[in-house]
Amino acid sequence: MPIYGFDEESAGRIGHTVRLVESSRTGKRELGVGNARSGAAAGVRCMLGAIGTAAWSKESSSTITVYSGEPGSEVTAGTVAAYNYFADISTSTNTARWVSVSNNGYGWLLIAAECD
């Protein structure tokens, strides 16, 4: 007779799946932000974010403030840690810069950044 069991990681994955299914039944959607969730919620493909004036080196992570809402009426929705695979972003002499981040199922990735 086979014996079935699962470890703490498996229990977490099952719990995450149940919460995702239950939230879709109620129509409630999450952005998939913060440290508790590294994956995107169902339907989240790309998010608008902002970085400060500091440089962001290629092949490093940074905390991104993400926004929701209509263009011109954006409101802060949380933060995500995103990884920059593509290019060094220099310091800004002006203000914070808009970025776009996307989730590949394993984490948030920088896909575009506003230039000075």
N, C-alpha and C. Protein backbone atom coordinates (compact mmCIF):
# COMPACT_ATOMS: atom_id res chain seq x y z
N MET A 1 0.84 -1.17 0.00
CA MET A 1 0.00 0.00 0.00
C MET A 1 0.90 1.24 0.00
N PRO A 2 0.70 2.15 -0.97
CA PRO A 2 1.55 3.34 -1.02
C PRO A 2 1.24 4.30 0.13
N ILE A 3 2.26 4.99 0.54
CA ILE A 3 2.12 6.01 1.58
C ILE A 3 2.34 7.36 0.93
N TYR A 4 1.40 8.29 1.13
CA TYR A 4 1.51 9.62 0.56
C TYR A 4 1.75 10.63 1.66
N GLY A 5 2.56 11.59 1.35
CA GLY A 5 2.82 12.67 2.29
C GLY A 5 3.38 13.85 1.53
N PHE A 6 3.44 14.94 2.18
CA PHE A 6 4.03 16.11 1.53
C PHE A 6 4.71 16.97 2.57
N ASP A 7 5.70 17.70 2.09
CA ASP A 7 6.50 18.55 2.98
C ASP A 7 5.87 19.93 3.12
N GLU A 8 6.55 20.80 3.87
CA GLU A 8 6.04 22.15 4.13
C GLU A 8 5.87 22.95 2.84
N GLU A 9 6.80 22.80 1.91
CA GLU A 9 6.70 23.51 0.63
C GLU A 9 5.45 23.08 -0.14
N SER A 10 5.18 21.78 -0.16
CA SER A 10 3.99 21.28 -0.84
C SER A 10 2.72 21.81 -0.19
N ALA A 11 2.69 21.84 1.13
CA ALA A 11 1.53 22.38 1.84
C ALA A 11 1.33 23.85 1.48
N GLY A 12 2.41 24.61 1.39
CA GLY A 12 2.32 26.02 1.01
C GLY A 12 1.77 26.19 -0.39
N ARG A 13 2.23 25.35 -1.32
CA ARG A 13 1.76 25.43 -2.70
C ARG A 13 0.27 25.11 -2.78
N ILE A 14 -0.16 24.10 -2.04
CA ILE A 14 -1.58 23.73 -2.03
C ILE A 14 -2.40 24.89 -1.46
N GLY A 15 -1.94 25.46 -0.35
CA GLY A 15 -2.65 26.59 0.25
C GLY A 15 -2.73 27.77 -0.69
N HIS A 16 -1.62 28.07 -1.38
CA HIS A 16 -1.60 29.18 -2.35
C HIS A 16 -2.61 28.94 -3.46
N THR A 17 -2.68 27.72 -3.96
CA THR A 17 -3.61 27.38 -5.04
C THR A 17 -5.06 27.53 -4.58
N VAL A 18 -5.35 27.06 -3.38
CA VAL A 18 -6.71 27.18 -2.85
C VAL A 18 -7.08 28.65 -2.71
N ARG A 19 -6.18 29.49 -2.16
CA ARG A 19 -6.47 30.92 -2.02
C ARG A 19 -6.69 31.57 -3.37
N LEU A 20 -5.89 31.21 -4.37
CA LEU A 20 -6.02 31.77 -5.70
C LEU A 20 -7.38 31.41 -6.31
N VAL A 21 -7.77 30.14 -6.19
CA VAL A 21 -9.06 29.70 -6.74
C VAL A 21 -10.21 30.37 -5.99
N GLU A 22 -10.13 30.41 -4.68
CA GLU A 22 -11.20 31.02 -3.90
C GLU A 22 -11.32 32.51 -4.20
N SER A 23 -10.19 33.22 -4.38
CA SER A 23 -10.27 34.65 -4.68
C SER A 23 -10.86 34.88 -6.06
N SER A 24 -10.63 33.99 -7.01
CA SER A 24 -11.21 34.16 -8.35
C SER A 24 -12.72 33.90 -8.32
N ARG A 25 -13.18 33.07 -7.41
CA ARG A 25 -14.63 32.81 -7.29
C ARG A 25 -15.36 34.02 -6.74
N THR A 26 -14.69 34.82 -5.91
CA THR A 26 -15.35 35.99 -5.32
C THR A 26 -15.15 37.23 -6.17
N GLY A 27 -14.33 37.13 -7.20
CA GLY A 27 -14.06 38.27 -8.06
C GLY A 27 -12.95 39.16 -7.52
N LYS A 28 -12.42 38.82 -6.36
CA LYS A 28 -11.34 39.61 -5.76
C LYS A 28 -10.03 39.24 -6.43
N ARG A 29 -9.27 40.25 -6.87
CA ARG A 29 -7.99 40.00 -7.51
C ARG A 29 -6.90 40.71 -6.75
N GLU A 30 -5.76 40.06 -6.62
CA GLU A 30 -4.61 40.66 -5.97
C GLU A 30 -3.58 41.01 -7.02
N LEU A 31 -2.71 41.97 -6.69
CA LEU A 31 -1.66 42.36 -7.62
C LEU A 31 -0.46 41.43 -7.58
N GLY A 32 -0.34 40.62 -6.54
CA GLY A 32 0.83 39.78 -6.42
C GLY A 32 2.03 40.59 -5.96
N VAL A 33 1.81 41.52 -5.04
CA VAL A 33 2.88 42.39 -4.59
C VAL A 33 3.31 42.03 -3.18
N GLY A 34 4.44 42.55 -2.79
CA GLY A 34 4.95 42.34 -1.45
C GLY A 34 5.83 41.12 -1.37
N ASN A 35 6.43 40.93 -0.20
CA ASN A 35 7.37 39.83 -0.02
C ASN A 35 6.69 38.48 0.11
N ALA A 36 5.42 38.45 0.50
CA ALA A 36 4.74 37.18 0.71
C ALA A 36 4.45 36.44 -0.58
N ARG A 37 4.39 37.16 -1.71
CA ARG A 37 4.08 36.54 -2.99
C ARG A 37 5.12 36.92 -4.02
N SER A 38 5.75 35.92 -4.59
CA SER A 38 6.73 36.24 -5.63
C SER A 38 6.13 36.07 -7.02
N GLY A 39 5.02 35.40 -7.15
CA GLY A 39 4.40 35.20 -8.45
C GLY A 39 3.28 36.19 -8.69
N ALA A 40 2.90 36.32 -9.92
CA ALA A 40 1.83 37.26 -10.27
C ALA A 40 0.48 36.62 -10.02
N ALA A 41 -0.49 37.43 -9.67
CA ALA A 41 -1.86 36.96 -9.55
C ALA A 41 -2.40 36.68 -10.95
N ALA A 42 -3.45 35.90 -11.02
CA ALA A 42 -4.04 35.59 -12.32
C ALA A 42 -4.39 36.87 -13.05
N GLY A 43 -3.99 36.97 -14.29
CA GLY A 43 -4.31 38.13 -15.10
C GLY A 43 -3.27 39.24 -15.07
N VAL A 44 -2.34 39.21 -14.12
CA VAL A 44 -1.31 40.26 -14.06
C VAL A 44 -0.18 39.90 -15.00
N ARG A 45 0.02 40.71 -16.02
CA ARG A 45 1.07 40.47 -16.99
C ARG A 45 2.18 41.51 -16.88
N CYS A 46 1.78 42.75 -16.60
CA CYS A 46 2.71 43.87 -16.61
C CYS A 46 2.19 44.93 -15.64
N MET A 47 3.08 45.55 -14.89
CA MET A 47 2.64 46.59 -13.96
C MET A 47 3.50 47.83 -14.13
N LEU A 48 2.89 48.97 -13.88
CA LEU A 48 3.57 50.25 -13.88
C LEU A 48 4.22 50.42 -12.52
N GLY A 49 5.48 50.86 -12.53
CA GLY A 49 6.19 51.08 -11.29
C GLY A 49 7.02 52.34 -11.36
N ALA A 50 7.69 52.65 -10.27
CA ALA A 50 8.58 53.80 -10.24
C ALA A 50 9.82 53.45 -9.44
N ILE A 51 10.94 53.97 -9.90
CA ILE A 51 12.19 53.86 -9.16
C ILE A 51 12.61 55.27 -8.79
N GLY A 52 13.42 55.39 -7.79
CA GLY A 52 13.90 56.70 -7.37
C GLY A 52 14.95 57.25 -8.32
N THR A 53 15.77 58.13 -7.82
CA THR A 53 16.79 58.77 -8.65
C THR A 53 18.10 58.01 -8.65
N ALA A 54 18.23 56.97 -7.82
CA ALA A 54 19.48 56.20 -7.74
C ALA A 54 19.68 55.32 -8.97
N ALA A 55 20.93 54.97 -9.22
CA ALA A 55 21.27 54.07 -10.32
C ALA A 55 20.77 52.66 -10.00
N TRP A 56 20.51 51.89 -11.07
CA TRP A 56 20.13 50.48 -10.93
C TRP A 56 20.99 49.69 -11.89
N SER A 57 21.90 48.90 -11.36
CA SER A 57 22.85 48.15 -12.18
C SER A 57 22.21 46.92 -12.80
N LYS A 58 22.67 46.62 -14.01
CA LYS A 58 22.28 45.38 -14.68
C LYS A 58 22.68 44.22 -13.78
N GLU A 59 21.88 43.15 -13.81
CA GLU A 59 22.10 41.93 -13.05
C GLU A 59 22.02 42.16 -11.54
N SER A 60 21.07 43.03 -11.13
CA SER A 60 20.81 43.24 -9.71
C SER A 60 19.32 43.47 -9.49
N SER A 61 18.91 43.36 -8.24
CA SER A 61 17.51 43.55 -7.87
C SER A 61 17.30 44.91 -7.24
N SER A 62 16.07 45.37 -7.29
CA SER A 62 15.70 46.63 -6.66
C SER A 62 14.24 46.55 -6.23
N THR A 63 13.89 47.34 -5.23
CA THR A 63 12.50 47.41 -4.80
C THR A 63 11.78 48.46 -5.63
N ILE A 64 10.68 48.06 -6.23
CA ILE A 64 9.89 48.92 -7.12
C ILE A 64 8.55 49.23 -6.46
N THR A 65 8.17 50.49 -6.44
CA THR A 65 6.83 50.87 -6.01
C THR A 65 5.91 50.72 -7.21
N VAL A 66 4.86 49.92 -7.06
CA VAL A 66 3.94 49.70 -8.18
C VAL A 66 2.67 50.53 -7.99
N TYR A 67 2.03 50.84 -9.11
CA TYR A 67 0.86 51.71 -9.14
C TYR A 67 -0.29 51.07 -9.90
N SER A 68 -1.49 51.47 -9.54
CA SER A 68 -2.68 51.06 -10.28
C SER A 68 -3.48 52.31 -10.58
N GLY A 69 -4.47 52.18 -11.43
CA GLY A 69 -5.33 53.30 -11.74
C GLY A 69 -5.15 53.80 -13.16
N GLU A 70 -6.04 54.69 -13.55
CA GLU A 70 -6.03 55.29 -14.88
C GLU A 70 -4.80 56.18 -15.06
N PRO A 71 -4.29 56.30 -16.30
CA PRO A 71 -3.19 57.22 -16.55
C PRO A 71 -3.53 58.64 -16.06
N GLY A 72 -2.62 59.21 -15.30
CA GLY A 72 -2.84 60.53 -14.72
C GLY A 72 -3.49 60.49 -13.35
N SER A 73 -4.03 59.33 -12.98
CA SER A 73 -4.68 59.17 -11.67
C SER A 73 -4.12 57.94 -10.95
N GLU A 74 -2.82 57.69 -11.09
CA GLU A 74 -2.21 56.51 -10.50
C GLU A 74 -2.16 56.61 -8.98
N VAL A 75 -2.34 55.47 -8.32
CA VAL A 75 -2.22 55.39 -6.87
C VAL A 75 -1.29 54.24 -6.52
N THR A 76 -0.56 54.41 -5.43
CA THR A 76 0.38 53.38 -4.98
C THR A 76 -0.38 52.11 -4.64
N ALA A 77 0.13 50.96 -5.13
CA ALA A 77 -0.53 49.68 -4.88
C ALA A 77 0.35 48.73 -4.06
N GLY A 78 1.61 49.07 -3.82
CA GLY A 78 2.50 48.21 -3.06
C GLY A 78 3.90 48.24 -3.62
N THR A 79 4.69 47.24 -3.25
CA THR A 79 6.06 47.14 -3.75
C THR A 79 6.34 45.71 -4.21
N VAL A 80 7.28 45.58 -5.12
CA VAL A 80 7.78 44.28 -5.55
C VAL A 80 9.29 44.37 -5.67
N ALA A 81 9.95 43.25 -5.51
CA ALA A 81 11.38 43.18 -5.79
C ALA A 81 11.50 42.72 -7.24
N ALA A 82 12.21 43.49 -8.06
CA ALA A 82 12.36 43.15 -9.48
C ALA A 82 13.83 43.01 -9.82
N TYR A 83 14.12 42.19 -10.82
CA TYR A 83 15.48 41.93 -11.26
C TYR A 83 15.72 42.59 -12.62
N ASN A 84 16.87 43.21 -12.77
CA ASN A 84 17.24 43.91 -14.00
C ASN A 84 18.22 43.05 -14.79
N TYR A 85 17.77 42.43 -15.86
CA TYR A 85 18.61 41.62 -16.73
C TYR A 85 19.26 42.43 -17.85
N PHE A 86 18.75 43.62 -18.16
CA PHE A 86 18.99 44.21 -19.46
C PHE A 86 20.02 45.31 -19.56
N ALA A 87 20.00 46.31 -18.70
CA ALA A 87 20.90 47.45 -18.89
C ALA A 87 21.12 48.20 -17.59
N ASP A 88 22.28 48.85 -17.49
CA ASP A 88 22.53 49.74 -16.36
C ASP A 88 21.65 50.97 -16.50
N ILE A 89 21.01 51.37 -15.43
CA ILE A 89 20.20 52.58 -15.41
C ILE A 89 20.95 53.58 -14.55
N SER A 90 21.32 54.70 -15.13
CA SER A 90 22.13 55.68 -14.42
C SER A 90 21.28 56.49 -13.43
N THR A 91 21.96 57.26 -12.60
CA THR A 91 21.24 58.13 -11.66
C THR A 91 20.46 59.18 -12.43
N SER A 92 19.42 59.69 -11.81
CA SER A 92 18.60 60.72 -12.41
C SER A 92 18.85 62.04 -11.69
N THR A 93 18.97 63.10 -12.45
CA THR A 93 19.16 64.41 -11.85
C THR A 93 17.83 65.08 -11.57
N ASN A 94 16.75 64.52 -12.06
CA ASN A 94 15.44 65.13 -11.92
C ASN A 94 14.61 64.47 -10.84
N THR A 95 13.77 63.55 -11.21
CA THR A 95 12.82 62.94 -10.28
C THR A 95 12.82 61.43 -10.45
N ALA A 96 11.96 60.79 -9.70
CA ALA A 96 11.78 59.35 -9.86
C ALA A 96 11.35 59.04 -11.29
N ARG A 97 11.66 57.84 -11.75
CA ARG A 97 11.36 57.45 -13.13
C ARG A 97 10.38 56.30 -13.17
N TRP A 98 9.51 56.33 -14.19
CA TRP A 98 8.57 55.25 -14.42
C TRP A 98 9.30 54.04 -14.99
N VAL A 99 8.85 52.85 -14.59
CA VAL A 99 9.35 51.59 -15.14
C VAL A 99 8.16 50.67 -15.39
N SER A 100 8.40 49.64 -16.14
CA SER A 100 7.41 48.59 -16.33
C SER A 100 8.05 47.28 -15.88
N VAL A 101 7.31 46.51 -15.08
CA VAL A 101 7.80 45.21 -14.62
C VAL A 101 6.78 44.14 -15.01
N SER A 102 7.28 42.96 -15.24
CA SER A 102 6.42 41.85 -15.61
C SER A 102 6.84 40.63 -14.80
N ASN A 103 5.93 39.70 -14.60
CA ASN A 103 6.24 38.50 -13.84
C ASN A 103 6.26 37.30 -14.76
N ASN A 104 7.36 36.56 -14.73
CA ASN A 104 7.50 35.39 -15.57
C ASN A 104 7.08 34.10 -14.87
N GLY A 105 6.45 34.22 -13.72
CA GLY A 105 6.04 33.06 -12.95
C GLY A 105 7.04 32.71 -11.86
N TYR A 106 8.24 33.26 -11.93
CA TYR A 106 9.27 33.01 -10.92
C TYR A 106 9.66 34.27 -10.18
N GLY A 107 9.33 35.42 -10.73
CA GLY A 107 9.66 36.68 -10.09
C GLY A 107 9.43 37.84 -11.02
N TRP A 108 9.58 39.05 -10.49
CA TRP A 108 9.36 40.27 -11.27
C TRP A 108 10.61 40.68 -12.00
N LEU A 109 10.46 41.09 -13.26
CA LEU A 109 11.57 41.49 -14.12
C LEU A 109 11.32 42.87 -14.67
N LEU A 110 12.36 43.69 -14.72
CA LEU A 110 12.28 44.97 -15.36
C LEU A 110 12.18 44.76 -16.87
N ILE A 111 11.21 45.40 -17.52
CA ILE A 111 11.11 45.26 -18.99
C ILE A 111 11.22 46.58 -19.72
N ALA A 112 11.09 47.72 -18.98
CA ALA A 112 11.25 49.03 -19.61
C ALA A 112 11.51 50.05 -18.52
N ALA A 113 12.26 51.10 -18.86
CA ALA A 113 12.54 52.17 -17.91
C ALA A 113 12.54 53.52 -18.61
N GLU A 114 12.00 54.53 -17.94
CA GLU A 114 12.01 55.89 -18.45
C GLU A 114 13.42 56.44 -18.42
N CYS A 115 13.81 57.11 -19.49
CA CYS A 115 15.15 57.70 -19.58
C CYS A 115 15.08 59.18 -19.27
N ASP A 116 16.17 59.73 -18.74
CA ASP A 116 16.25 61.18 -18.51
C ASP A 116 16.43 61.89 -19.83
